[in-house]
C-alpha cells in the first residue's frame, strides 16, 4: 500500500500553539506511519494560498493525498479547496467554521473540519474574569485579528459569561508576542491610557499576553504596578501557558488541545475507507487552574476599588 502523504499548512512559526500543532502532527505521523510536509504562512493569507496552490498543482507523483490547514484569512481559501478536491486531494480545515464543506463533501475525498470550541474558550475566560474580580472591575483585553472567526467567537463567548459589573477595554493584535507588545506600547502612548483603571490584563492567546507583559516591563517607575496585576491567556500548552501559570507569570490560562494529531487520525481512517468523518468535530477546552482554585488564589481581587491600577498615578 502506498504511504500516505499529507501537507500540513499552519499560520506561523511564531506562536506557541502553532508550534505545538506542528509537533503534534509530527508525533501522529510517526505513530500512523505516514509522511507529512509542514509549511508556515507567516500570517499572510495570500502567501498561504500561493503555497498550497503550488503544491496541489505540482506533478501528480508529488501531490499530497490531503491538505490539513489552519487558515490565516477570513475566507479559508474556498477556491484553493475546490482545486484540491478536484485534483483528488482531501481537505481538512483546522479551527475555523467554513460554509463550503458541505459542497466539497460531494467529492470522493475526505473533507471535514476539526476545531477548538472557540465560544466555550471565551465563556471560560469570562468566568475567569468573574473569579478574579468578584466585586467587579476592568479588563484590558487583547483580541486576535478582526478577520479571524476564532477571535470573534472567543470574544462573543467571553461577553456571554462576563458579569455586567466587569468592564472590558479591547485592543487588537495578530496572535503573536511581537504584535501584542506593539499594541500595548501604542495604547500606552495614548492619553486615555493614563486615565484608565485596569484590574486584569488578558489576551486571547498566551503568546499575546506574554508580549503584553513584556511591554509593561518597560514602563520604568510604573512597571511594578502593572506587573502586580493578574495576566491571563489562552492555549495552556504544557511547556508554555501551563508552565507560566505554575511560575506565577500568568494567573490563569485555558487549555486548548492541539488538533492536528486528531485530524491526521481521522484522515487515515477515511483514506483507508474505514470511517467517514463527520463534517465538523470540536475539541473541549479547560480552565487552568480550575475556576474554584482561581477564585481562592492570590490573584483574586475581592475589593476592586482598592486593587485597581491607575496608569496616571
Protein backbone atom coordinates (compact mmCIF):
# COMPACT_ATOMS: atom_id res chain seq x y z
CA UNK A 1 0.00 0.00 0.00
CA UNK A 2 1.25 3.47 -0.93
CA UNK A 3 2.47 5.51 2.04
CA UNK A 4 0.10 8.40 2.64
CA UNK A 5 1.49 11.90 2.25
CA UNK A 6 -0.21 14.90 3.90
CA UNK A 7 0.53 18.62 3.66
CA UNK A 8 0.21 20.49 6.98
CA UNK A 9 -0.22 24.24 6.35
CA UNK A 10 -0.06 26.34 9.52
CA UNK A 11 -0.34 30.08 10.06
CA UNK A 12 3.05 30.93 11.59
CA UNK A 13 6.04 29.51 13.42
CA UNK A 14 5.99 32.47 15.85
CA UNK A 15 3.19 31.26 18.13
CA UNK A 16 3.37 28.56 20.80
CA UNK A 17 0.06 26.94 19.78
CA UNK A 18 1.13 26.70 16.13
CA UNK A 19 4.46 25.19 17.19
CA UNK A 20 2.54 22.65 19.27
CA UNK A 21 0.30 21.95 16.27
CA UNK A 22 3.41 21.11 14.25
CA UNK A 23 4.82 18.88 16.98
CA UNK A 24 1.50 17.05 17.41
CA UNK A 25 1.39 16.43 13.64
CA UNK A 26 4.94 15.04 13.65
CA UNK A 27 4.16 12.70 16.55
CA UNK A 28 0.94 11.48 14.93
CA UNK A 29 2.67 10.94 11.57
CA UNK A 30 5.31 8.71 13.20
CA UNK A 31 2.63 6.76 15.06
CA UNK A 32 0.44 6.34 11.95
CA UNK A 33 3.30 5.59 9.55
CA UNK A 34 2.55 8.44 7.14
CA UNK A 35 4.65 11.20 5.59
CA UNK A 36 3.93 14.88 6.23
CA UNK A 37 5.26 18.19 4.96
CA UNK A 38 4.79 21.21 7.26
CA UNK A 39 4.72 24.76 5.89
CA UNK A 40 4.03 28.13 7.58
CA UNK A 41 2.38 31.18 6.01
CA UNK A 42 3.94 33.93 8.19
CA UNK A 43 0.39 35.13 8.99
CA UNK A 44 -0.14 36.10 5.34
CA UNK A 45 -3.31 34.79 3.69
CA UNK A 46 -2.06 35.46 0.13
CA UNK A 47 1.19 33.65 0.88
CA UNK A 48 -0.76 30.72 2.33
CA UNK A 49 -2.95 30.49 -0.77
CA UNK A 50 0.06 30.55 -3.09
CA UNK A 51 1.96 27.99 -1.02
CA UNK A 52 -0.86 25.46 -1.07
CA UNK A 53 -1.80 26.03 -4.73
CA UNK A 54 1.79 25.50 -5.83
CA UNK A 55 1.88 22.13 -4.07
CA UNK A 56 -1.50 20.84 -5.24
CA UNK A 57 -0.76 21.91 -8.84
CA UNK A 58 2.59 20.13 -8.85
CA UNK A 59 3.21 16.88 -10.74
CA UNK A 60 0.90 14.01 -9.87
CA UNK A 61 3.64 11.97 -8.22
CA UNK A 62 4.50 14.69 -5.68
CA UNK A 63 0.96 15.80 -4.81
CA UNK A 64 -0.21 15.12 -1.25
CA UNK A 65 -3.12 12.82 -0.54
CA UNK A 66 -4.66 15.52 1.65
CA UNK A 67 -4.14 19.06 2.93
CA UNK A 68 -4.63 19.87 6.60
CA UNK A 69 -4.56 23.62 7.12
CA UNK A 70 -5.28 26.36 9.62
CA UNK A 71 -6.48 29.45 7.72
CA UNK A 72 -4.85 32.84 8.11
CA UNK A 73 -7.56 34.94 6.46
CA UNK A 74 -11.31 35.14 6.84
CA UNK A 75 -12.28 33.15 3.74
CA UNK A 76 -10.46 29.85 4.42
CA UNK A 77 -9.46 29.65 0.74
CA UNK A 78 -12.59 28.20 -0.91
CA UNK A 79 -11.09 28.34 -4.43
CA UNK A 80 -7.97 26.52 -3.29
CA UNK A 81 -10.15 23.97 -1.52
CA UNK A 82 -12.10 23.28 -4.73
CA UNK A 83 -8.86 22.97 -6.70
CA UNK A 84 -7.63 20.41 -4.17
CA UNK A 85 -10.70 18.17 -4.17
CA UNK A 86 -10.97 18.40 -7.98
CA UNK A 87 -7.41 17.04 -8.10
CA UNK A 88 -8.42 14.18 -5.77
CA UNK A 89 -6.80 15.69 -2.68
CA UNK A 90 -8.56 15.59 0.71
CA UNK A 91 -9.19 18.85 2.54
CA UNK A 92 -9.21 19.38 6.32
CA UNK A 93 -9.77 22.78 7.96
CA UNK A 94 -8.49 23.47 11.46
CA UNK A 95 -10.01 25.94 13.93
CA UNK A 96 -12.40 27.63 11.53
CA UNK A 97 -16.08 27.32 10.63
CA UNK A 98 -16.44 27.27 6.85
CA UNK A 99 -19.60 27.12 4.77
CA UNK A 100 -18.16 25.37 1.73
CA UNK A 101 -17.51 21.94 3.29
CA UNK A 102 -21.00 20.59 2.55
CA UNK A 103 -20.39 21.17 -1.15
CA UNK A 104 -16.90 19.65 -1.04
CA UNK A 105 -18.14 16.50 0.68
CA UNK A 106 -19.87 15.51 -2.58
CA UNK A 107 -16.37 14.70 -3.92
CA UNK A 108 -14.92 11.22 -3.25
CA UNK A 109 -12.17 12.50 -0.93
CA UNK A 110 -12.25 13.24 2.83
CA UNK A 111 -13.40 16.79 3.63
CA UNK A 112 -14.07 17.91 7.20
CA UNK A 113 -13.21 20.45 9.89
CA UNK A 114 -11.87 19.97 13.39
CA UNK A 115 -11.86 22.96 15.67
CA UNK A 116 -11.40 24.13 19.19
CA UNK A 117 -14.72 25.25 20.67
CA UNK A 118 -13.86 28.94 20.49
CA UNK A 119 -17.11 30.17 22.01
CA UNK A 120 -16.56 27.89 25.01
CA UNK A 121 -12.98 29.18 25.30
CA UNK A 122 -14.46 32.68 25.52
CA UNK A 123 -17.07 31.56 28.07
CA UNK A 124 -14.35 30.12 30.28
CA UNK A 125 -12.34 33.33 30.02
CA UNK A 126 -15.40 35.36 31.02
CA UNK A 127 -15.85 33.11 34.07
CA UNK A 128 -12.16 33.54 34.90
CA UNK A 129 -12.68 37.30 34.95
CA UNK A 130 -15.52 36.77 37.40
CA UNK A 131 -13.34 34.60 39.64
CA UNK A 132 -10.60 37.23 39.63
CA UNK A 133 -12.96 40.19 40.10
CA UNK A 134 -15.81 39.13 42.43
CA UNK A 135 -16.62 42.80 43.15
CA UNK A 136 -16.26 43.95 39.54
CA UNK A 137 -13.54 45.89 37.75
CA UNK A 138 -11.98 46.49 34.33
CA UNK A 139 -10.15 44.10 32.00
CA UNK A 140 -7.72 45.19 29.28
CA UNK A 141 -8.45 42.53 26.64
CA UNK A 142 -6.19 41.79 23.66
CA UNK A 143 -8.11 40.14 20.83
CA UNK A 144 -6.88 38.35 17.74
CA UNK A 145 -7.32 40.00 14.31
CA UNK A 146 -10.78 41.14 13.21
CA UNK A 147 -10.86 38.76 10.23
CA UNK A 148 -10.36 35.73 12.49
CA UNK A 149 -13.57 33.85 13.28
CA UNK A 150 -11.77 32.29 16.26
CA UNK A 151 -11.14 35.76 17.71
CA UNK A 152 -14.75 36.81 17.11
CA UNK A 153 -16.15 33.63 18.66
CA UNK A 154 -13.88 33.88 21.71
CA UNK A 155 -14.99 37.47 22.20
CA UNK A 156 -18.67 36.54 21.88
CA UNK A 157 -18.29 33.72 24.39
CA UNK A 158 -16.49 36.00 26.85
CA UNK A 159 -19.28 38.59 26.71
CA UNK A 160 -21.84 35.81 27.21
CA UNK A 161 -20.46 34.89 30.66
CA UNK A 162 -18.82 38.14 31.78
CA UNK A 163 -20.74 39.80 34.60
CA UNK A 164 -22.19 43.27 33.98
CA UNK A 165 -20.00 44.80 36.71
CA UNK A 166 -16.87 43.87 34.75
CA UNK A 167 -15.92 46.33 32.01
CA UNK A 168 -13.74 45.37 29.03
CA UNK A 169 -11.36 47.61 27.06
CA UNK A 170 -10.23 45.91 23.83
CA UNK A 171 -7.06 46.05 21.74
CA UNK A 172 -6.20 44.12 18.55
CA UNK A 173 -3.11 42.03 17.85
CA UNK A 174 -2.17 39.20 15.48
CA UNK A 175 -1.73 36.03 17.59
CA UNK A 176 1.97 36.73 18.21
CA UNK A 177 4.03 38.04 21.11
CA UNK A 178 5.52 40.81 18.96
CA UNK A 179 2.13 42.08 17.77
CA UNK A 180 0.78 42.31 21.33
CA UNK A 181 3.95 44.04 22.51
CA UNK A 182 3.40 46.64 19.78
CA UNK A 183 -0.33 47.01 20.58
CA UNK A 184 0.31 47.66 24.27
CA UNK A 185 3.07 50.17 23.54
CA UNK A 186 0.77 52.02 21.13
CA UNK A 187 -2.02 52.05 23.73
CA UNK A 188 0.32 53.34 26.45
CA UNK A 189 1.19 56.33 24.27
CA UNK A 190 -2.47 57.42 24.22
CA UNK A 191 -3.57 59.99 26.78
CA UNK A 192 -6.64 57.85 27.51
CA UNK A 193 -4.44 55.01 28.78
CA UNK A 194 -3.13 57.25 31.55
CA UNK A 195 -6.69 57.73 32.74
CA UNK A 196 -7.59 54.03 32.55
CA UNK A 197 -8.18 51.98 35.66
CA UNK A 198 -7.23 48.37 34.92
CA UNK A 199 -7.63 45.31 37.18
CA UNK A 200 -6.80 42.39 34.85
CA UNK A 201 -4.79 42.12 31.63
CA UNK A 202 -5.99 39.32 29.36
CA UNK A 203 -5.39 38.08 25.85
CA UNK A 204 -6.94 35.54 23.54
CA UNK A 205 -3.74 33.51 23.48
CA UNK A 206 -0.71 33.05 25.71
CA UNK A 207 1.79 34.44 23.20
CA UNK A 208 -0.05 37.75 23.13
CA UNK A 209 -0.37 38.07 26.90
CA UNK A 210 3.37 37.43 27.29
CA UNK A 211 4.03 40.15 24.69
CA UNK A 212 1.79 42.48 26.70
CA UNK A 213 3.65 41.66 29.90
CA UNK A 214 6.98 42.44 28.24
CA UNK A 215 5.64 45.82 27.14
CA UNK A 216 4.61 46.65 30.70
CA UNK A 217 8.03 45.57 31.96
CA UNK A 218 9.49 48.54 30.07
CA UNK A 219 7.35 51.13 31.84
CA UNK A 220 10.02 52.41 34.23
CA UNK A 221 8.70 53.67 37.56
CA UNK A 222 5.18 52.43 36.74
CA UNK A 223 6.41 48.94 35.90
CA UNK A 224 5.76 47.26 39.27
CA UNK A 225 2.14 48.39 39.47
CA UNK A 226 1.36 46.93 36.05
CA UNK A 227 3.19 43.68 36.74
CA UNK A 228 1.31 43.23 40.03
CA UNK A 229 -1.93 42.78 38.08
CA UNK A 230 -3.22 39.32 37.07
CA UNK A 231 -2.41 38.34 33.47
CA UNK A 232 -4.49 35.67 31.73
CA UNK A 233 -4.27 33.97 28.34
CA UNK A 234 -5.44 31.00 26.28
CA UNK A 235 -3.88 27.85 24.76
CA UNK A 236 -2.48 26.50 28.03
CA UNK A 237 0.13 24.22 26.50
CA UNK A 238 2.27 22.21 28.95
CA UNK A 239 5.61 23.85 28.16
CA UNK A 240 4.31 27.41 27.85
CA UNK A 241 0.95 28.51 29.27
CA UNK A 242 0.71 25.86 31.98
CA UNK A 243 4.35 26.41 32.96
CA UNK A 244 3.75 30.18 33.12
CA UNK A 245 0.79 29.65 35.47
CA UNK A 246 2.91 27.43 37.74
CA UNK A 247 5.70 30.02 37.81
CA UNK A 248 3.31 32.91 38.54
CA UNK A 249 3.92 34.70 35.24
CA UNK A 250 0.22 34.19 34.43
CA UNK A 251 -2.70 33.99 36.82
CA UNK A 252 -4.64 31.69 34.50
CA UNK A 253 -4.84 30.22 31.03
CA UNK A 254 -7.19 27.92 29.11
CA UNK A 255 -6.00 24.58 27.77
CA UNK A 256 -6.84 24.31 24.07
CA UNK A 257 -5.89 20.83 22.82
CA UNK A 258 -3.82 20.78 19.60
CA UNK A 259 -5.91 19.12 16.89
CA UNK A 260 -3.52 18.25 14.06
CA UNK A 261 -2.94 14.80 15.54
CA UNK A 262 -6.67 14.05 15.71
CA UNK A 263 -7.10 15.40 12.17
CA UNK A 264 -4.45 13.01 10.86
CA UNK A 265 -6.01 10.05 12.68
CA UNK A 266 -9.41 10.86 11.14
CA UNK A 267 -7.81 11.32 7.72
CA UNK A 268 -6.04 7.96 7.80
CA UNK A 269 -9.26 6.18 8.76
CA UNK A 270 -11.13 7.95 5.95
CA UNK A 271 -8.46 7.36 3.29
CA UNK A 272 -8.31 3.69 4.19
CA UNK A 273 -12.09 3.55 3.77
CA UNK A 274 -12.86 2.58 7.35
CA UNK A 275 -14.84 5.53 8.70
CA UNK A 276 -16.36 8.58 7.03
CA UNK A 277 -15.53 11.56 9.25
CA UNK A 278 -18.27 13.95 10.41
CA UNK A 279 -18.33 17.33 8.71
CA UNK A 280 -17.27 19.08 11.92
CA UNK A 281 -15.69 17.95 15.18
CA UNK A 282 -14.98 20.08 18.26
CA UNK A 283 -12.33 19.67 20.95
CA UNK A 284 -13.05 20.79 24.51
CA UNK A 285 -11.07 23.45 26.42
CA UNK A 286 -10.49 23.62 30.19
CA UNK A 287 -9.59 26.35 32.70
CA UNK A 288 -6.11 26.23 34.25
CA UNK A 289 -6.28 26.46 37.20
CA UNK A 290 -9.89 25.47 37.85
CA UNK A 291 -12.29 28.35 38.43
CA UNK A 292 -12.58 27.37 42.09
CA UNK A 293 -8.80 27.42 42.54
CA UNK A 294 -8.54 30.74 40.71
CA UNK A 295 -11.21 32.36 42.90
CA UNK A 296 -9.26 31.43 46.04
CA UNK A 297 -5.82 32.25 44.63
CA UNK A 298 -3.63 35.22 45.48
CA UNK A 299 -4.69 36.80 42.17
CA UNK A 300 -8.38 37.17 43.09
CA UNK A 301 -9.15 40.80 43.88
CA UNK A 302 -12.16 40.93 46.26
CA UNK A 303 -12.05 44.73 46.69
CA UNK A 304 -11.93 46.23 43.21
CA UNK A 305 -11.60 49.84 44.33
CA UNK A 306 -8.54 49.06 46.42
CA UNK A 307 -6.99 46.86 43.79
CA UNK A 308 -7.45 48.99 40.70
CA UNK A 309 -4.41 50.29 38.94
CA UNK A 310 -4.45 53.79 37.53
CA UNK A 311 -1.84 54.37 34.85
CA UNK A 312 -1.86 58.06 35.68
CA UNK A 313 -0.80 57.72 39.30
